[in-house]
Amino acid sequence: MMRAGICAVTNIPSDRWDRARFWHPQMGVAGKYYTDAAGVLEDIHAFDPALFGISRREATFMDPQQRLMLELTWRALEDANLPVASLQDERVAVYVGASSLDHANLSVEDPAAPGPYFMTGNTLSIVSNRISHVFGLKGPSLTVDTACSSSLVALDHAVRAINSGLVDTAIVGGVNMLVHPLPFVGFA
């Protein structure tokens, strides 16, 4: 997209929340936001849980950010020609920048909705931990929340860990998926 000069900023899809309820064209209107421009992925619910040894029931409660990071890690390892089995005896760290709890905020609307997998599916620390667990990695696993700089700080942790000899390899990423209007309203 960068090479082609394509801008990925669009509006929040209508299936995320009721735009009419939260949008207002003027800044400063309480309980409203004035822009819904964002870089968004269209289908955030497409996920093959069996590929990662996760039941459909558990996947239902998982924050889409966790699902996306699992898929991106799988793809990154494939692109780097690093078979998962080759990492089993190495010290592989996982550093992920994440600060959004949008998916967990959805439960506020129905406190009876969360099931047995809700906490592990919606806790920020588990974003990195799930990658380490699913891929059987043995190294530090850390989710970094420094707001807008989370991914950059995660990368800094990885570089320092590699340079110091603490780890052999690091998986680094960042995720911020917008699935609840609260951050839009709050930041507006």
N, C-alpha and C. Protein backbone atom coordinates (compact mmCIF):
# COMPACT_ATOMS: atom_id res chain seq x y z
N MET A 1 0.82 -1.19 0.00
CA MET A 1 0.00 0.00 0.00
C MET A 1 0.87 1.26 0.00
N MET A 2 1.96 1.20 0.77
CA MET A 2 2.84 2.37 0.80
C MET A 2 3.47 2.60 -0.56
N ARG A 3 3.95 1.53 -1.19
CA ARG A 3 4.58 1.68 -2.50
C ARG A 3 3.60 2.21 -3.53
N ALA A 4 2.35 1.79 -3.43
CA ALA A 4 1.33 2.22 -4.39
C ALA A 4 0.72 3.57 -4.02
N GLY A 5 1.07 4.10 -2.85
CA GLY A 5 0.53 5.39 -2.42
C GLY A 5 -0.95 5.33 -2.08
N ILE A 6 -1.39 4.17 -1.60
CA ILE A 6 -2.80 3.98 -1.26
C ILE A 6 -3.04 4.36 0.19
N CYS A 7 -4.06 5.15 0.42
CA CYS A 7 -4.45 5.53 1.77
C CYS A 7 -5.49 4.54 2.27
N ALA A 8 -5.23 3.95 3.42
CA ALA A 8 -6.14 2.95 3.98
C ALA A 8 -7.13 3.55 4.97
N VAL A 9 -7.09 4.85 5.15
CA VAL A 9 -8.01 5.49 6.09
C VAL A 9 -9.39 5.56 5.45
N THR A 10 -10.35 5.07 6.19
CA THR A 10 -11.74 5.06 5.75
C THR A 10 -12.61 5.34 6.97
N ASN A 11 -13.86 5.02 6.91
CA ASN A 11 -14.74 5.20 8.07
C ASN A 11 -15.00 3.86 8.74
N ILE A 12 -15.32 3.92 10.03
CA ILE A 12 -15.65 2.72 10.78
C ILE A 12 -16.86 2.06 10.10
N PRO A 13 -16.77 0.75 9.82
CA PRO A 13 -17.90 0.07 9.18
C PRO A 13 -19.16 0.12 10.05
N SER A 14 -20.30 0.12 9.41
CA SER A 14 -21.58 0.26 10.11
C SER A 14 -21.91 -0.93 11.01
N ASP A 15 -21.26 -2.07 10.80
CA ASP A 15 -21.55 -3.23 11.64
C ASP A 15 -20.83 -3.19 12.99
N ARG A 16 -19.97 -2.20 13.22
CA ARG A 16 -19.24 -2.11 14.50
C ARG A 16 -20.13 -1.51 15.60
N TRP A 17 -20.84 -0.42 15.28
CA TRP A 17 -21.77 0.20 16.23
C TRP A 17 -22.68 1.16 15.47
N ASP A 18 -23.69 1.65 16.14
CA ASP A 18 -24.67 2.54 15.54
C ASP A 18 -24.09 3.96 15.44
N ARG A 19 -23.64 4.33 14.26
CA ARG A 19 -23.01 5.63 14.05
C ARG A 19 -23.95 6.77 14.43
N ALA A 20 -25.21 6.65 14.10
CA ALA A 20 -26.18 7.71 14.39
C ALA A 20 -26.28 8.00 15.88
N ARG A 21 -26.03 7.00 16.70
CA ARG A 21 -26.12 7.18 18.15
C ARG A 21 -24.92 7.95 18.73
N PHE A 22 -23.76 7.84 18.10
CA PHE A 22 -22.55 8.40 18.70
C PHE A 22 -21.90 9.53 17.91
N TRP A 23 -22.24 9.72 16.64
CA TRP A 23 -21.58 10.73 15.82
C TRP A 23 -22.35 12.04 15.83
N HIS A 24 -21.59 13.14 15.86
CA HIS A 24 -22.15 14.48 15.72
C HIS A 24 -21.11 15.32 14.99
N PRO A 25 -21.51 16.16 14.04
CA PRO A 25 -20.53 16.90 13.24
C PRO A 25 -19.76 17.97 14.00
N GLN A 26 -20.23 18.38 15.17
CA GLN A 26 -19.54 19.42 15.93
C GLN A 26 -18.64 18.82 16.99
N MET A 27 -17.49 19.44 17.19
CA MET A 27 -16.59 19.04 18.27
C MET A 27 -17.19 19.45 19.61
N GLY A 28 -16.89 18.67 20.65
CA GLY A 28 -17.25 19.05 22.00
C GLY A 28 -18.65 18.70 22.46
N VAL A 29 -19.41 17.97 21.68
CA VAL A 29 -20.74 17.56 22.10
C VAL A 29 -20.59 16.33 23.00
N ALA A 30 -21.06 16.43 24.23
CA ALA A 30 -20.90 15.35 25.21
C ALA A 30 -21.50 14.04 24.71
N GLY A 31 -20.76 12.96 24.88
CA GLY A 31 -21.23 11.64 24.50
C GLY A 31 -21.18 11.36 23.01
N LYS A 32 -20.55 12.25 22.24
CA LYS A 32 -20.49 12.09 20.78
C LYS A 32 -19.04 12.23 20.29
N TYR A 33 -18.78 11.71 19.13
CA TYR A 33 -17.50 11.95 18.46
C TYR A 33 -17.79 12.63 17.14
N TYR A 34 -16.81 13.34 16.63
CA TYR A 34 -17.02 14.14 15.42
C TYR A 34 -16.33 13.56 14.19
N THR A 35 -15.55 12.52 14.34
CA THR A 35 -14.96 11.86 13.19
C THR A 35 -14.92 10.36 13.45
N ASP A 36 -15.14 9.59 12.40
CA ASP A 36 -14.98 8.15 12.54
C ASP A 36 -14.02 7.63 11.49
N ALA A 37 -13.09 8.51 11.10
CA ALA A 37 -12.05 8.13 10.16
C ALA A 37 -11.01 7.27 10.87
N ALA A 38 -10.66 6.16 10.24
CA ALA A 38 -9.68 5.25 10.83
C ALA A 38 -9.21 4.26 9.77
N GLY A 39 -8.07 3.67 10.03
CA GLY A 39 -7.62 2.56 9.20
C GLY A 39 -8.23 1.30 9.77
N VAL A 40 -9.11 0.65 9.05
CA VAL A 40 -9.83 -0.50 9.59
C VAL A 40 -9.70 -1.73 8.69
N LEU A 41 -9.76 -2.88 9.32
CA LEU A 41 -9.86 -4.15 8.60
C LEU A 41 -11.35 -4.45 8.46
N GLU A 42 -11.72 -4.95 7.31
CA GLU A 42 -13.14 -5.19 7.04
C GLU A 42 -13.71 -6.34 7.86
N ASP A 43 -13.14 -7.53 7.73
CA ASP A 43 -13.72 -8.71 8.38
C ASP A 43 -12.84 -9.12 9.55
N ILE A 44 -13.17 -8.63 10.72
CA ILE A 44 -12.35 -8.91 11.89
C ILE A 44 -12.76 -10.19 12.61
N HIS A 45 -13.79 -10.85 12.12
CA HIS A 45 -14.27 -12.05 12.80
C HIS A 45 -13.89 -13.33 12.08
N ALA A 46 -13.29 -13.23 10.89
CA ALA A 46 -12.84 -14.42 10.18
C ALA A 46 -11.62 -14.98 10.90
N PHE A 47 -11.69 -16.21 11.35
CA PHE A 47 -10.60 -16.81 12.11
C PHE A 47 -10.78 -18.31 12.10
N ASP A 48 -9.70 -19.05 11.91
CA ASP A 48 -9.74 -20.51 11.93
C ASP A 48 -9.14 -20.99 13.25
N PRO A 49 -9.97 -21.14 14.30
CA PRO A 49 -9.42 -21.49 15.61
C PRO A 49 -8.73 -22.86 15.64
N ALA A 50 -9.20 -23.80 14.82
CA ALA A 50 -8.62 -25.15 14.83
C ALA A 50 -7.15 -25.12 14.42
N LEU A 51 -6.77 -24.22 13.54
CA LEU A 51 -5.38 -24.09 13.12
C LEU A 51 -4.46 -23.84 14.31
N PHE A 52 -4.98 -23.16 15.32
CA PHE A 52 -4.19 -22.78 16.49
C PHE A 52 -4.51 -23.63 17.72
N GLY A 53 -5.29 -24.70 17.55
CA GLY A 53 -5.63 -25.57 18.67
C GLY A 53 -6.59 -24.92 19.66
N ILE A 54 -7.42 -24.02 19.16
CA ILE A 54 -8.37 -23.30 20.00
C ILE A 54 -9.78 -23.74 19.62
N SER A 55 -10.61 -23.99 20.61
CA SER A 55 -11.98 -24.40 20.33
C SER A 55 -12.78 -23.20 19.80
N ARG A 56 -13.85 -23.48 19.09
CA ARG A 56 -14.73 -22.41 18.60
C ARG A 56 -15.31 -21.62 19.77
N ARG A 57 -15.65 -22.33 20.85
CA ARG A 57 -16.23 -21.68 22.02
C ARG A 57 -15.24 -20.67 22.61
N GLU A 58 -13.99 -21.08 22.76
CA GLU A 58 -12.99 -20.17 23.30
C GLU A 58 -12.76 -18.99 22.35
N ALA A 59 -12.69 -19.27 21.05
CA ALA A 59 -12.46 -18.21 20.06
C ALA A 59 -13.56 -17.16 20.09
N THR A 60 -14.78 -17.57 20.41
CA THR A 60 -15.90 -16.64 20.49
C THR A 60 -15.65 -15.55 21.52
N PHE A 61 -14.99 -15.89 22.62
CA PHE A 61 -14.74 -14.93 23.69
C PHE A 61 -13.43 -14.16 23.52
N MET A 62 -12.61 -14.57 22.56
CA MET A 62 -11.30 -13.93 22.37
C MET A 62 -11.43 -12.57 21.71
N ASP A 63 -10.70 -11.62 22.22
CA ASP A 63 -10.58 -10.31 21.60
C ASP A 63 -10.06 -10.53 20.18
N PRO A 64 -10.67 -9.90 19.17
CA PRO A 64 -10.17 -10.05 17.80
C PRO A 64 -8.69 -9.66 17.67
N GLN A 65 -8.19 -8.85 18.58
CA GLN A 65 -6.77 -8.48 18.55
C GLN A 65 -5.89 -9.71 18.76
N GLN A 66 -6.31 -10.62 19.67
CA GLN A 66 -5.54 -11.84 19.89
C GLN A 66 -5.59 -12.73 18.65
N ARG A 67 -6.76 -12.84 18.05
CA ARG A 67 -6.89 -13.67 16.85
C ARG A 67 -6.02 -13.13 15.72
N LEU A 68 -6.07 -11.82 15.53
CA LEU A 68 -5.28 -11.19 14.47
C LEU A 68 -3.78 -11.39 14.70
N MET A 69 -3.33 -11.22 15.94
CA MET A 69 -1.90 -11.40 16.22
C MET A 69 -1.45 -12.84 16.00
N LEU A 70 -2.30 -13.81 16.30
CA LEU A 70 -1.96 -15.21 16.00
C LEU A 70 -1.79 -15.41 14.50
N GLU A 71 -2.73 -14.88 13.73
CA GLU A 71 -2.66 -15.02 12.28
C GLU A 71 -1.43 -14.32 11.71
N LEU A 72 -1.15 -13.11 12.20
CA LEU A 72 0.01 -12.37 11.71
C LEU A 72 1.33 -13.05 12.08
N THR A 73 1.38 -13.64 13.26
CA THR A 73 2.59 -14.35 13.67
C THR A 73 2.81 -15.57 12.77
N TRP A 74 1.73 -16.30 12.52
CA TRP A 74 1.81 -17.47 11.62
C TRP A 74 2.36 -17.04 10.27
N ARG A 75 1.79 -15.97 9.75
CA ARG A 75 2.19 -15.47 8.42
C ARG A 75 3.64 -14.97 8.43
N ALA A 76 4.03 -14.25 9.48
CA ALA A 76 5.40 -13.73 9.57
C ALA A 76 6.41 -14.88 9.63
N LEU A 77 6.11 -15.92 10.38
CA LEU A 77 7.01 -17.07 10.45
C LEU A 77 7.11 -17.76 9.10
N GLU A 78 5.99 -17.89 8.42
CA GLU A 78 6.00 -18.47 7.07
C GLU A 78 6.84 -17.61 6.13
N ASP A 79 6.59 -16.29 6.13
CA ASP A 79 7.33 -15.38 5.25
C ASP A 79 8.83 -15.39 5.54
N ALA A 80 9.20 -15.59 6.80
CA ALA A 80 10.61 -15.63 7.19
C ALA A 80 11.22 -17.02 7.03
N ASN A 81 10.41 -17.96 6.56
CA ASN A 81 10.84 -19.35 6.40
C ASN A 81 11.39 -19.92 7.71
N LEU A 82 10.65 -19.64 8.79
CA LEU A 82 11.01 -20.14 10.12
C LEU A 82 9.95 -21.14 10.57
N PRO A 83 10.20 -22.43 10.38
CA PRO A 83 9.23 -23.42 10.86
C PRO A 83 9.11 -23.33 12.38
N VAL A 84 7.90 -23.45 12.88
CA VAL A 84 7.66 -23.35 14.32
C VAL A 84 8.52 -24.37 15.07
N ALA A 85 8.66 -25.56 14.52
CA ALA A 85 9.45 -26.61 15.18
C ALA A 85 10.90 -26.17 15.38
N SER A 86 11.42 -25.34 14.48
CA SER A 86 12.81 -24.89 14.59
C SER A 86 13.01 -23.91 15.74
N LEU A 87 11.92 -23.38 16.26
CA LEU A 87 12.01 -22.39 17.34
C LEU A 87 11.88 -23.03 18.73
N GLN A 88 11.53 -24.29 18.78
CA GLN A 88 11.24 -24.95 20.05
C GLN A 88 12.42 -24.94 21.02
N ASP A 89 13.64 -25.04 20.51
CA ASP A 89 14.81 -25.10 21.39
C ASP A 89 15.53 -23.75 21.51
N GLU A 90 14.96 -22.71 20.92
CA GLU A 90 15.57 -21.38 21.00
C GLU A 90 14.87 -20.53 22.04
N ARG A 91 15.54 -19.47 22.45
CA ARG A 91 14.93 -18.49 23.34
C ARG A 91 14.27 -17.44 22.45
N VAL A 92 12.97 -17.59 22.25
CA VAL A 92 12.21 -16.70 21.38
C VAL A 92 11.29 -15.84 22.23
N ALA A 93 11.48 -14.54 22.13
CA ALA A 93 10.66 -13.59 22.89
C ALA A 93 9.51 -13.09 22.04
N VAL A 94 8.46 -12.67 22.71
CA VAL A 94 7.31 -12.05 22.04
C VAL A 94 7.05 -10.72 22.72
N TYR A 95 7.10 -9.66 21.92
CA TYR A 95 6.81 -8.31 22.41
C TYR A 95 5.71 -7.72 21.54
N VAL A 96 4.60 -7.38 22.16
CA VAL A 96 3.46 -6.84 21.40
C VAL A 96 3.01 -5.52 22.03
N GLY A 97 2.82 -4.54 21.19
CA GLY A 97 2.24 -3.27 21.62
C GLY A 97 0.74 -3.35 21.49
N ALA A 98 0.03 -3.12 22.58
CA ALA A 98 -1.43 -3.15 22.57
C ALA A 98 -1.94 -2.31 23.74
N SER A 99 -2.99 -1.54 23.48
CA SER A 99 -3.52 -0.73 24.58
C SER A 99 -5.04 -0.62 24.57
N SER A 100 -5.67 -1.24 23.61
CA SER A 100 -7.12 -1.12 23.48
C SER A 100 -7.85 -2.28 24.12
N LEU A 101 -8.84 -1.94 24.92
CA LEU A 101 -9.69 -2.96 25.55
C LEU A 101 -11.12 -2.89 24.99
N ASP A 102 -11.24 -2.48 23.75
CA ASP A 102 -12.56 -2.32 23.14
C ASP A 102 -13.44 -3.55 23.27
N HIS A 103 -12.90 -4.72 22.94
CA HIS A 103 -13.69 -5.94 22.96
C HIS A 103 -14.21 -6.22 24.37
N ALA A 104 -13.37 -6.02 25.37
CA ALA A 104 -13.80 -6.22 26.76
C ALA A 104 -14.87 -5.21 27.15
N ASN A 105 -14.77 -3.99 26.61
CA ASN A 105 -15.77 -2.97 26.91
C ASN A 105 -17.16 -3.37 26.44
N LEU A 106 -17.23 -4.22 25.43
CA LEU A 106 -18.53 -4.68 24.95
C LEU A 106 -19.30 -5.42 26.05
N SER A 107 -18.58 -6.07 26.97
CA SER A 107 -19.24 -6.82 28.03
C SER A 107 -19.94 -5.92 29.04
N VAL A 108 -19.52 -4.67 29.11
CA VAL A 108 -20.16 -3.72 30.03
C VAL A 108 -21.64 -3.58 29.68
N GLU A 109 -21.96 -3.74 28.41
CA GLU A 109 -23.34 -3.62 27.97
C GLU A 109 -24.19 -4.82 28.38
N ASP A 110 -23.54 -5.97 28.63
CA ASP A 110 -24.26 -7.17 29.07
C ASP A 110 -23.34 -7.96 30.00
N PRO A 111 -23.31 -7.61 31.30
CA PRO A 111 -22.39 -8.26 32.24
C PRO A 111 -22.56 -9.78 32.35
N ALA A 112 -23.70 -10.31 31.92
CA ALA A 112 -23.91 -11.76 31.98
C ALA A 112 -23.32 -12.48 30.77
N ALA A 113 -22.88 -11.73 29.77
CA ALA A 113 -22.40 -12.33 28.53
C ALA A 113 -21.07 -13.07 28.65
N PRO A 114 -20.10 -12.57 29.41
CA PRO A 114 -18.80 -13.26 29.43
C PRO A 114 -18.91 -14.69 29.94
N GLY A 115 -18.19 -15.56 29.27
CA GLY A 115 -18.16 -16.96 29.67
C GLY A 115 -16.82 -17.33 30.27
N PRO A 116 -16.52 -18.62 30.31
CA PRO A 116 -15.32 -19.09 31.00
C PRO A 116 -14.01 -18.64 30.37
N TYR A 117 -14.02 -18.27 29.11
CA TYR A 117 -12.79 -17.86 28.44
C TYR A 117 -12.65 -16.35 28.33
N PHE A 118 -13.54 -15.63 28.97
CA PHE A 118 -13.56 -14.17 28.82
C PHE A 118 -12.27 -13.51 29.29
N MET A 119 -11.79 -13.84 30.48
CA MET A 119 -10.62 -13.15 31.02
C MET A 119 -9.37 -13.40 30.20
N THR A 120 -9.10 -14.66 29.85
CA THR A 120 -7.92 -14.93 29.03
C THR A 120 -8.10 -14.40 27.61
N GLY A 121 -9.31 -14.24 27.20
CA GLY A 121 -9.58 -13.72 25.86
C GLY A 121 -9.56 -12.21 25.78
N ASN A 122 -9.56 -11.51 26.93
CA ASN A 122 -9.71 -10.06 26.90
C ASN A 122 -8.75 -9.30 27.80
N THR A 123 -7.70 -9.93 28.25
CA THR A 123 -6.71 -9.28 29.08
C THR A 123 -5.51 -8.93 28.21
N LEU A 124 -5.03 -7.69 28.29
CA LEU A 124 -3.94 -7.27 27.40
C LEU A 124 -2.69 -8.14 27.54
N SER A 125 -2.35 -8.56 28.73
CA SER A 125 -1.14 -9.37 28.90
C SER A 125 -1.19 -10.65 28.09
N ILE A 126 -2.38 -11.14 27.84
CA ILE A 126 -2.53 -12.41 27.14
C ILE A 126 -2.30 -12.26 25.63
N VAL A 127 -2.32 -11.05 25.09
CA VAL A 127 -2.07 -10.87 23.65
C VAL A 127 -0.72 -11.50 23.29
N SER A 128 0.32 -11.15 24.02
CA SER A 128 1.65 -11.73 23.75
C SER A 128 1.74 -13.16 24.28
N ASN A 129 1.16 -13.39 25.45
CA ASN A 129 1.25 -14.72 26.07
C ASN A 129 0.59 -15.79 25.21
N ARG A 130 -0.50 -15.44 24.54
CA ARG A 130 -1.19 -16.43 23.70
C ARG A 130 -0.29 -16.85 22.54
N ILE A 131 0.44 -15.90 21.98
CA ILE A 131 1.38 -16.24 20.89
C ILE A 131 2.43 -17.21 21.41
N SER A 132 3.03 -16.88 22.56
CA SER A 132 4.05 -17.76 23.15
C SER A 132 3.49 -19.15 23.42
N HIS A 133 2.29 -19.20 23.98
CA HIS A 133 1.67 -20.49 24.32
C HIS A 133 1.34 -21.31 23.08
N VAL A 134 0.66 -20.70 22.13
CA VAL A 134 0.23 -21.44 20.93
C VAL A 134 1.41 -21.96 20.14
N PHE A 135 2.48 -21.17 20.04
CA PHE A 135 3.63 -21.57 19.24
C PHE A 135 4.70 -22.28 20.08
N GLY A 136 4.46 -22.46 21.37
CA GLY A 136 5.40 -23.19 22.23
C GLY A 136 6.73 -22.48 22.39
N LEU A 137 6.71 -21.17 22.51
CA LEU A 137 7.95 -20.39 22.59
C LEU A 137 8.43 -20.26 24.02
N LYS A 138 9.75 -20.27 24.19
CA LYS A 138 10.36 -20.21 25.52
C LYS A 138 11.23 -18.97 25.63
N GLY A 139 10.64 -17.90 25.97
CA GLY A 139 11.36 -16.65 26.15
C GLY A 139 10.42 -15.64 26.77
N PRO A 140 10.90 -14.44 27.01
CA PRO A 140 10.02 -13.42 27.58
C PRO A 140 8.80 -13.20 26.69
N SER A 141 7.70 -12.92 27.32
CA SER A 141 6.45 -12.64 26.59
C SER A 141 5.83 -11.43 27.26
N LEU A 142 5.80 -10.33 26.54
CA LEU A 142 5.44 -9.06 27.15
C LEU A 142 4.52 -8.25 26.25
N THR A 143 3.39 -7.81 26.81
CA THR A 143 2.53 -6.86 26.11
C THR A 143 2.83 -5.49 26.68
N VAL A 144 3.12 -4.55 25.81
CA VAL A 144 3.51 -3.21 26.20
C VAL A 144 2.35 -2.26 25.93
N ASP A 145 1.98 -1.48 26.93
CA ASP A 145 0.93 -0.48 26.77
C ASP A 145 1.50 0.89 27.15
N THR A 146 1.92 1.61 26.14
CA THR A 146 2.37 3.00 26.34
C THR A 146 1.57 3.90 25.41
N ALA A 147 0.31 3.57 25.23
CA ALA A 147 -0.61 4.30 24.37
C ALA A 147 -0.11 4.27 22.92
N CYS A 148 0.00 5.41 22.29
CA CYS A 148 0.32 5.48 20.86
C CYS A 148 1.71 4.96 20.51
N SER A 149 2.61 4.89 21.48
CA SER A 149 3.98 4.42 21.21
C SER A 149 4.17 2.94 21.55
N SER A 150 3.11 2.22 21.84
CA SER A 150 3.23 0.84 22.30
C SER A 150 4.05 -0.05 21.38
N SER A 151 3.80 -0.01 20.08
CA SER A 151 4.53 -0.87 19.15
C SER A 151 6.01 -0.49 19.07
N LEU A 152 6.29 0.80 19.08
CA LEU A 152 7.67 1.26 19.03
C LEU A 152 8.42 0.83 20.30
N VAL A 153 7.80 0.94 21.44
CA VAL A 153 8.44 0.52 22.69
C VAL A 153 8.61 -1.00 22.71
N ALA A 154 7.66 -1.74 22.17
CA ALA A 154 7.80 -3.20 22.06
C ALA A 154 9.01 -3.55 21.20
N LEU A 155 9.18 -2.85 20.09
CA LEU A 155 10.34 -3.06 19.22
C LEU A 155 11.63 -2.74 19.95
N ASP A 156 11.65 -1.67 20.73
CA ASP A 156 12.84 -1.30 21.51
C ASP A 156 13.19 -2.42 22.50
N HIS A 157 12.20 -2.98 23.17
CA HIS A 157 12.44 -4.10 24.09
C HIS A 157 13.07 -5.27 23.34
N ALA A 158 12.55 -5.57 22.17
CA ALA A 158 13.07 -6.70 21.38
C ALA A 158 14.52 -6.47 20.97
N VAL A 159 14.81 -5.29 20.47
CA VAL A 159 16.18 -4.98 20.04
C VAL A 159 17.15 -5.09 21.21
N ARG A 160 16.76 -4.53 22.34
CA ARG A 160 17.62 -4.61 23.54
C ARG A 160 17.84 -6.06 23.98
N ALA A 161 16.78 -6.87 23.94
CA ALA A 161 16.90 -8.26 24.36
C ALA A 161 17.82 -9.05 23.43
N ILE A 162 17.71 -8.80 22.15
CA ILE A 162 18.59 -9.48 21.18
C ILE A 162 20.03 -9.01 21.35
N ASN A 163 20.23 -7.71 21.42
CA ASN A 163 21.59 -7.16 21.56
C ASN A 163 22.28 -7.60 22.84
N SER A 164 21.52 -7.80 23.90
CA SER A 164 22.11 -8.21 25.18
C SER A 164 22.33 -9.72 25.26
N GLY A 165 21.83 -10.47 24.30
CA GLY A 165 21.97 -11.92 24.31
C GLY A 165 20.91 -12.62 25.15
N LEU A 166 19.93 -11.88 25.64
CA LEU A 166 18.85 -12.46 26.44
C LEU A 166 18.02 -13.44 25.62
N VAL A 167 17.83 -13.14 24.33
CA VAL A 167 17.04 -13.99 23.45
C VAL A 167 17.76 -14.19 22.12
N ASP A 168 17.38 -15.26 21.42
CA ASP A 168 17.95 -15.54 20.10
C ASP A 168 17.14 -14.87 18.99
N THR A 169 15.83 -14.84 19.19
CA THR A 169 14.89 -14.32 18.19
C THR A 169 13.77 -13.60 18.92
N ALA A 170 13.19 -12.62 18.25
CA ALA A 170 12.04 -11.92 18.85
C ALA A 170 10.94 -11.75 17.81
N ILE A 171 9.75 -11.98 18.24
CA ILE A 171 8.57 -11.70 17.45
C ILE A 171 8.00 -10.40 18.01
N VAL A 172 7.84 -9.41 17.14
CA VAL A 172 7.39 -8.09 17.57
C VAL A 172 6.19 -7.68 16.74
N GLY A 173 5.21 -7.08 17.39
CA GLY A 173 4.05 -6.61 16.65
C GLY A 173 3.30 -5.57 17.45
N GLY A 174 2.25 -5.10 16.85
CA GLY A 174 1.38 -4.14 17.51
C GLY A 174 -0.02 -4.31 16.97
N VAL A 175 -1.00 -4.02 17.81
CA VAL A 175 -2.39 -4.18 17.38
C VAL A 175 -3.27 -3.17 18.09
N ASN A 176 -4.24 -2.66 17.36
CA ASN A 176 -5.23 -1.75 17.93
C ASN A 176 -6.49 -1.88 17.08
N MET A 177 -7.44 -2.63 17.57
CA MET A 177 -8.65 -2.88 16.82
C MET A 177 -9.82 -2.12 17.44
N LEU A 178 -10.50 -1.35 16.62
CA LEU A 178 -11.59 -0.48 17.07
C LEU A 178 -12.93 -1.20 16.93
N VAL A 179 -13.46 -1.67 18.07
CA VAL A 179 -14.73 -2.41 18.01
C VAL A 179 -15.78 -1.84 18.95
N HIS A 180 -15.48 -0.73 19.62
CA HIS A 180 -16.41 -0.11 20.56
C HIS A 180 -16.31 1.40 20.42
N PRO A 181 -17.42 2.14 20.51
CA PRO A 181 -17.38 3.59 20.32
C PRO A 181 -16.74 4.37 21.47
N LEU A 182 -16.56 3.76 22.63
CA LEU A 182 -16.06 4.49 23.79
C LEU A 182 -14.75 5.25 23.53
N PRO A 183 -13.73 4.63 22.92
CA PRO A 183 -12.50 5.41 22.67
C PRO A 183 -12.72 6.60 21.75
N PHE A 184 -13.56 6.44 20.75
CA PHE A 184 -13.85 7.57 19.87
C PHE A 184 -14.50 8.71 20.65
N VAL A 185 -15.49 8.38 21.45
CA VAL A 185 -16.19 9.39 22.25
C VAL A 185 -15.22 10.00 23.26
N GLY A 186 -14.47 9.17 23.95
CA GLY A 186 -13.57 9.65 24.98
C GLY A 186 -12.48 10.55 24.45
N PHE A 187 -11.87 10.18 23.34
CA PHE A 187 -10.79 11.01 22.79
C PHE A 187 -11.33 12.25 22.09
N ALA A 188 -12.57 12.20 21.63
CA ALA A 188 -13.16 13.38 20.99
C ALA A 188 -13.50 14.43 22.05
